[in-house]
């Protein structure tokens, strides 16, 4: 189960109430920063933008590939550990606006995590240290530490223990 907080609304759908939940000026600032970062190839500059203007927690040597789309409304609810790779065109959401409510949830991505291209991470998700998320995955529940997950809906392909066994048998990893 995702760890989100629910906020009911009345009248129009929750997106209709957007500027009651987040100031317009914040959305515009975040939009500009995120769009600039999406197209810049300088990884350290992206991390600086995210930390400085979006108040995100971003670990050292973390890499956000081109076109990564962060939550425009609540990027400060996203934290990414050190030495993590976020693949091309991945979307990380910390909010969801529904018909009768909106939901907010922190997204916590651990250290040395690999997230494949074109993945989507929903609000309220924790991805454990050294986990691997295959390309195109919809991350709709927490990912255990060291697991290899993939698909839509996401499922565990290999547990931490199975991954360790596979890597111990792999010549490339044994040479490192």
C-alpha atoms as a PDB file:
ATOM      1  CA  UNK A   1       0.000   0.000   0.000  1.00  0.00           C
ATOM      2  CA  UNK A   2       1.313   3.429  -0.919  1.00  0.00           C
ATOM      3  CA  UNK A   3       1.876   5.876   1.920  1.00  0.00           C
ATOM      4  CA  UNK A   4      -0.241   8.893   0.889  1.00  0.00           C
ATOM      5  CA  UNK A   5      -2.359  11.416   2.730  1.00  0.00           C
ATOM      6  CA  UNK A   6      -5.867  11.936   1.324  1.00  0.00           C
ATOM      7  CA  UNK A   7      -7.528  15.357   1.093  1.00  0.00           C
ATOM      8  CA  UNK A   8     -11.220  15.319   0.134  1.00  0.00           C
ATOM      9  CA  UNK A   9     -12.687  18.142  -1.975  1.00  0.00           C
ATOM     10  CA  UNK A  10     -16.239  19.236  -2.734  1.00  0.00           C
ATOM     11  CA  UNK A  11     -17.647  20.860  -5.829  1.00  0.00           C
ATOM     12  CA  UNK A  12     -15.488  20.395  -8.906  1.00  0.00           C
ATOM     13  CA  UNK A  13     -12.825  17.717  -9.210  1.00  0.00           C
ATOM     14  CA  UNK A  14      -9.658  18.125  -7.141  1.00  0.00           C
ATOM     15  CA  UNK A  15      -7.580  19.474 -10.039  1.00  0.00           C
ATOM     16  CA  UNK A  16     -10.121  22.277 -10.363  1.00  0.00           C
ATOM     17  CA  UNK A  17      -8.986  23.311  -6.851  1.00  0.00           C
ATOM     18  CA  UNK A  18      -5.270  23.190  -7.727  1.00  0.00           C
ATOM     19  CA  UNK A  19      -4.329  26.723  -6.673  1.00  0.00           C
ATOM     20  CA  UNK A  20      -6.014  26.242  -3.324  1.00  0.00           C
ATOM     21  CA  UNK A  21      -3.527  23.418  -2.679  1.00  0.00           C
ATOM     22  CA  UNK A  22      -0.341  24.932  -4.151  1.00  0.00           C
ATOM     23  CA  UNK A  23       0.454  28.578  -5.040  1.00  0.00           C
ATOM     24  CA  UNK A  24       0.534  29.475  -8.737  1.00  0.00           C
ATOM     25  CA  UNK A  25       3.926  31.175  -8.317  1.00  0.00           C
ATOM     26  CA  UNK A  26       5.434  27.956  -6.901  1.00  0.00           C
ATOM     27  CA  UNK A  27       4.076  25.916  -9.813  1.00  0.00           C
ATOM     28  CA  UNK A  28       5.519  28.376 -12.355  1.00  0.00           C
ATOM     29  CA  UNK A  29       8.949  28.479 -10.661  1.00  0.00           C
ATOM     30  CA  UNK A  30       9.044  24.677 -10.412  1.00  0.00           C
ATOM     31  CA  UNK A  31       7.952  24.318 -14.043  1.00  0.00           C
ATOM     32  CA  UNK A  32      10.772  26.551 -15.273  1.00  0.00           C
ATOM     33  CA  UNK A  33      13.425  24.824 -13.136  1.00  0.00           C
ATOM     34  CA  UNK A  34      12.272  21.326 -14.108  1.00  0.00           C
ATOM     35  CA  UNK A  35      12.112  22.155 -17.822  1.00  0.00           C
ATOM     36  CA  UNK A  36      15.607  23.669 -17.715  1.00  0.00           C
ATOM     37  CA  UNK A  37      16.948  20.593 -15.904  1.00  0.00           C
ATOM     38  CA  UNK A  38      15.216  18.156 -18.272  1.00  0.00           C
ATOM     39  CA  UNK A  39      17.261  19.418 -21.217  1.00  0.00           C
ATOM     40  CA  UNK A  40      20.631  20.117 -19.617  1.00  0.00           C
ATOM     41  CA  UNK A  41      23.291  17.427 -20.030  1.00  0.00           C
ATOM     42  CA  UNK A  42      25.320  18.647 -17.013  1.00  0.00           C
ATOM     43  CA  UNK A  43      24.456  16.269 -14.141  1.00  0.00           C
ATOM     44  CA  UNK A  44      25.964  18.369 -11.339  1.00  0.00           C
ATOM     45  CA  UNK A  45      24.024  21.422 -12.566  1.00  0.00           C
ATOM     46  CA  UNK A  46      20.747  19.459 -12.512  1.00  0.00           C
ATOM     47  CA  UNK A  47      21.394  18.308  -8.944  1.00  0.00           C
ATOM     48  CA  UNK A  48      22.222  21.886  -7.908  1.00  0.00           C
ATOM     49  CA  UNK A  49      18.966  23.144  -9.473  1.00  0.00           C
ATOM     50  CA  UNK A  50      16.942  20.448  -7.721  1.00  0.00           C
ATOM     51  CA  UNK A  51      18.530  21.062  -4.320  1.00  0.00           C
ATOM     52  CA  UNK A  52      18.561  24.860  -4.519  1.00  0.00           C
ATOM     53  CA  UNK A  53      15.253  25.746  -6.140  1.00  0.00           C
ATOM     54  CA  UNK A  54      13.057  22.681  -5.576  1.00  0.00           C
ATOM     55  CA  UNK A  55      14.281  21.833  -2.035  1.00  0.00           C
ATOM     56  CA  UNK A  56      14.774  18.190  -3.012  1.00  0.00           C
ATOM     57  CA  UNK A  57      17.180  15.899  -1.199  1.00  0.00           C
ATOM     58  CA  UNK A  58      19.592  14.578  -3.833  1.00  0.00           C
ATOM     59  CA  UNK A  59      22.609  12.458  -2.889  1.00  0.00           C
ATOM     60  CA  UNK A  60      26.128  12.883  -4.206  1.00  0.00           C
ATOM     61  CA  UNK A  61      26.893  11.429  -7.644  1.00  0.00           C
ATOM     62  CA  UNK A  62      23.231  10.837  -8.416  1.00  0.00           C
ATOM     63  CA  UNK A  63      22.421  11.044 -12.114  1.00  0.00           C
ATOM     64  CA  UNK A  64      19.129  12.217 -13.602  1.00  0.00           C
ATOM     65  CA  UNK A  65      19.076  11.367 -17.320  1.00  0.00           C
ATOM     66  CA  UNK A  66      17.656  13.676 -19.968  1.00  0.00           C
ATOM     67  CA  UNK A  67      13.909  14.296 -19.898  1.00  0.00           C
ATOM     68  CA  UNK A  68      13.277  13.093 -16.324  1.00  0.00           C
ATOM     69  CA  UNK A  69       9.978  14.661 -15.223  1.00  0.00           C
ATOM     70  CA  UNK A  70       9.677  15.493 -11.536  1.00  0.00           C
ATOM     71  CA  UNK A  71       6.493  16.397  -9.701  1.00  0.00           C
ATOM     72  CA  UNK A  72       5.848  20.061 -10.538  1.00  0.00           C
ATOM     73  CA  UNK A  73       3.547  20.704  -7.577  1.00  0.00           C
ATOM     74  CA  UNK A  74       5.481  19.079  -4.699  1.00  0.00           C
ATOM     75  CA  UNK A  75       9.073  18.236  -5.733  1.00  0.00           C
ATOM     76  CA  UNK A  76      10.247  18.812  -2.150  1.00  0.00           C
ATOM     77  CA  UNK A  77       8.523  15.513  -1.277  1.00  0.00           C
ATOM     78  CA  UNK A  78      11.047  13.613  -3.427  1.00  0.00           C
ATOM     79  CA  UNK A  79      14.372  12.406  -2.037  1.00  0.00           C
ATOM     80  CA  UNK A  80      16.988  10.427  -3.914  1.00  0.00           C
ATOM     81  CA  UNK A  81      20.014   8.775  -2.314  1.00  0.00           C
ATOM     82  CA  UNK A  82      23.627   8.820  -3.433  1.00  0.00           C
ATOM     83  CA  UNK A  83      25.032   7.248  -6.593  1.00  0.00           C
ATOM     84  CA  UNK A  84      21.585   6.529  -8.030  1.00  0.00           C
ATOM     85  CA  UNK A  85      20.619   6.580 -11.726  1.00  0.00           C
ATOM     86  CA  UNK A  86      17.190   7.827 -12.819  1.00  0.00           C
ATOM     87  CA  UNK A  87      16.683   6.743 -16.450  1.00  0.00           C
ATOM     88  CA  UNK A  88      15.596   8.745 -19.486  1.00  0.00           C
ATOM     89  CA  UNK A  89      12.029  10.084 -19.486  1.00  0.00           C
ATOM     90  CA  UNK A  90      11.178   8.723 -16.033  1.00  0.00           C
ATOM     91  CA  UNK A  91       8.310  10.443 -14.190  1.00  0.00           C
ATOM     92  CA  UNK A  92       8.357  10.801 -10.399  1.00  0.00           C
ATOM     93  CA  UNK A  93       5.070  11.942  -8.834  1.00  0.00           C
ATOM     94  CA  UNK A  94       4.404  13.085  -5.270  1.00  0.00           C
ATOM     95  CA  UNK A  95       0.762  14.031  -5.862  1.00  0.00           C
ATOM     96  CA  UNK A  96      -2.302  12.736  -7.633  1.00  0.00           C
ATOM     97  CA  UNK A  97      -5.446  14.750  -8.295  1.00  0.00           C
ATOM     98  CA  UNK A  98      -8.581  12.602  -8.478  1.00  0.00           C
ATOM     99  CA  UNK A  99     -12.295  13.409  -8.783  1.00  0.00           C
ATOM    100  CA  UNK A 100     -13.289  13.675  -5.114  1.00  0.00           C
ATOM    101  CA  UNK A 101      -9.853  13.989  -3.474  1.00  0.00           C
ATOM    102  CA  UNK A 102      -6.206  14.631  -3.991  1.00  0.00           C
ATOM    103  CA  UNK A 103      -3.373  12.653  -2.432  1.00  0.00           C
ATOM    104  CA  UNK A 104       0.160  13.593  -1.423  1.00  0.00           C
ATOM    105  CA  UNK A 105       2.989  11.231  -0.553  1.00  0.00           C
ATOM    106  CA  UNK A 106       6.737  11.304  -0.139  1.00  0.00           C
ATOM    107  CA  UNK A 107       8.844   9.419  -2.651  1.00  0.00           C
ATOM    108  CA  UNK A 108      12.030   7.990  -1.166  1.00  0.00           C
ATOM    109  CA  UNK A 109      14.584   6.466  -3.521  1.00  0.00           C
ATOM    110  CA  UNK A 110      17.554   4.840  -1.797  1.00  0.00           C
ATOM    111  CA  UNK A 111      21.289   4.710  -2.474  1.00  0.00           C
ATOM    112  CA  UNK A 112      22.712   3.011  -5.574  1.00  0.00           C
ATOM    113  CA  UNK A 113      19.303   2.454  -7.139  1.00  0.00           C
ATOM    114  CA  UNK A 114      18.923   1.978 -10.898  1.00  0.00           C
ATOM    115  CA  UNK A 115      15.641   3.117 -12.436  1.00  0.00           C
ATOM    116  CA  UNK A 116      15.247   2.234 -16.113  1.00  0.00           C
ATOM    117  CA  UNK A 117      14.010   4.585 -18.826  1.00  0.00           C
ATOM    118  CA  UNK A 118      10.336   5.469 -19.196  1.00  0.00           C
ATOM    119  CA  UNK A 119       9.367   4.338 -15.700  1.00  0.00           C
ATOM    120  CA  UNK A 120       6.695   6.045 -13.598  1.00  0.00           C
ATOM    121  CA  UNK A 121       6.927   6.258  -9.822  1.00  0.00           C
ATOM    122  CA  UNK A 122       3.660   7.034  -8.026  1.00  0.00           C
ATOM    123  CA  UNK A 123       3.283   9.071  -4.802  1.00  0.00           C
ATOM    124  CA  UNK A 124       4.013   7.463  -1.438  1.00  0.00           C
ATOM    125  CA  UNK A 125       6.594   4.973  -2.740  1.00  0.00           C
ATOM    126  CA  UNK A 126       9.869   3.871  -1.146  1.00  0.00           C
ATOM    127  CA  UNK A 127      12.507   2.184  -3.278  1.00  0.00           C
ATOM    128  CA  UNK A 128      15.135   0.423  -1.165  1.00  0.00           C
ATOM    129  CA  UNK A 129      18.908   0.719  -1.501  1.00  0.00           C
ATOM    130  CA  UNK A 130      20.514  -1.090  -4.458  1.00  0.00           C
ATOM    131  CA  UNK A 131      17.152  -1.938  -6.045  1.00  0.00           C
ATOM    132  CA  UNK A 132      16.801  -2.154  -9.817  1.00  0.00           C
ATOM    133  CA  UNK A 133      13.629  -1.022 -11.605  1.00  0.00           C
ATOM    134  CA  UNK A 134      13.465  -2.209 -15.216  1.00  0.00           C
ATOM    135  CA  UNK A 135      12.600   0.163 -18.049  1.00  0.00           C
ATOM    136  CA  UNK A 136       8.930   0.988 -18.530  1.00  0.00           C
ATOM    137  CA  UNK A 137       7.848  -0.029 -15.038  1.00  0.00           C
ATOM    138  CA  UNK A 138       4.866   1.481 -13.214  1.00  0.00           C
ATOM    139  CA  UNK A 139       6.090   1.574  -9.599  1.00  0.00           C
ATOM    140  CA  UNK A 140       2.807   1.383  -7.684  1.00  0.00           C
ATOM    141  CA  UNK A 141       4.089  -0.230  -4.473  1.00  0.00           C
ATOM    142  CA  UNK A 142       7.276  -0.180  -2.410  1.00  0.00           C
ATOM    143  CA  UNK A 143      10.372  -1.880  -3.797  1.00  0.00           C
ATOM    144  CA  UNK A 144      12.398  -3.962  -1.309  1.00  0.00           C
ATOM    145  CA  UNK A 145      16.107  -3.309  -0.847  1.00  0.00           C
ATOM    146  CA  UNK A 146      18.226  -5.072  -3.471  1.00  0.00           C
ATOM    147  CA  UNK A 147      15.258  -6.394  -5.470  1.00  0.00           C
ATOM    148  CA  UNK A 148      14.927  -6.383  -9.250  1.00  0.00           C
ATOM    149  CA  UNK A 149      11.397  -5.344 -10.272  1.00  0.00           C
ATOM    150  CA  UNK A 150       9.621  -4.634 -13.522  1.00  0.00           C
ATOM    151  CA  UNK A 151       6.426  -4.563 -15.498  1.00  0.00           C
ATOM    152  CA  UNK A 152       3.012  -2.996 -15.470  1.00  0.00           C
ATOM    153  CA  UNK A 153       1.758  -3.813 -12.962  1.00  0.00           C
ATOM    154  CA  UNK A 154       5.132  -4.024 -11.237  1.00  0.00           C
ATOM    155  CA  UNK A 155       6.202  -7.358  -9.822  1.00  0.00           C
ATOM    156  CA  UNK A 156       9.344  -8.638  -8.140  1.00  0.00           C
ATOM    157  CA  UNK A 157      11.465 -10.473 -10.715  1.00  0.00           C
ATOM    158  CA  UNK A 158      14.350 -11.307  -8.369  1.00  0.00           C
ATOM    159  CA  UNK A 159      14.625 -10.801  -4.613  1.00  0.00           C
ATOM    160  CA  UNK A 160      17.777  -9.382  -3.038  1.00  0.00           C
ATOM    161  CA  UNK A 161      19.044 -12.885  -2.294  1.00  0.00           C
ATOM    162  CA  UNK A 162      18.368 -14.119  -5.839  1.00  0.00           C
ATOM    163  CA  UNK A 163      20.125 -11.042  -7.281  1.00  0.00           C
ATOM    164  CA  UNK A 164      23.175 -11.595  -5.070  1.00  0.00           C
ATOM    165  CA  UNK A 165      23.373 -15.221  -6.222  1.00  0.00           C
ATOM    166  CA  UNK A 166      23.068 -14.215  -9.898  1.00  0.00           C
ATOM    167  CA  UNK A 167      25.766 -11.560  -9.521  1.00  0.00           C
ATOM    168  CA  UNK A 168      28.138 -13.950  -7.733  1.00  0.00           C
ATOM    169  CA  UNK A 169      27.877 -16.263 -10.745  1.00  0.00           C
ATOM    170  CA  UNK A 170      28.445 -13.428 -13.247  1.00  0.00           C
ATOM    171  CA  UNK A 171      32.050 -13.082 -14.470  1.00  0.00           C
ATOM    172  CA  UNK A 172      31.768  -9.314 -14.977  1.00  0.00           C
ATOM    173  CA  UNK A 173      30.781  -8.701 -11.363  1.00  0.00           C
ATOM    174  CA  UNK A 174      33.482 -11.054 -10.093  1.00  0.00           C
ATOM    175  CA  UNK A 175      36.131  -9.007 -11.927  1.00  0.00           C
ATOM    176  CA  UNK A 176      35.079  -5.717 -10.268  1.00  0.00           C
END
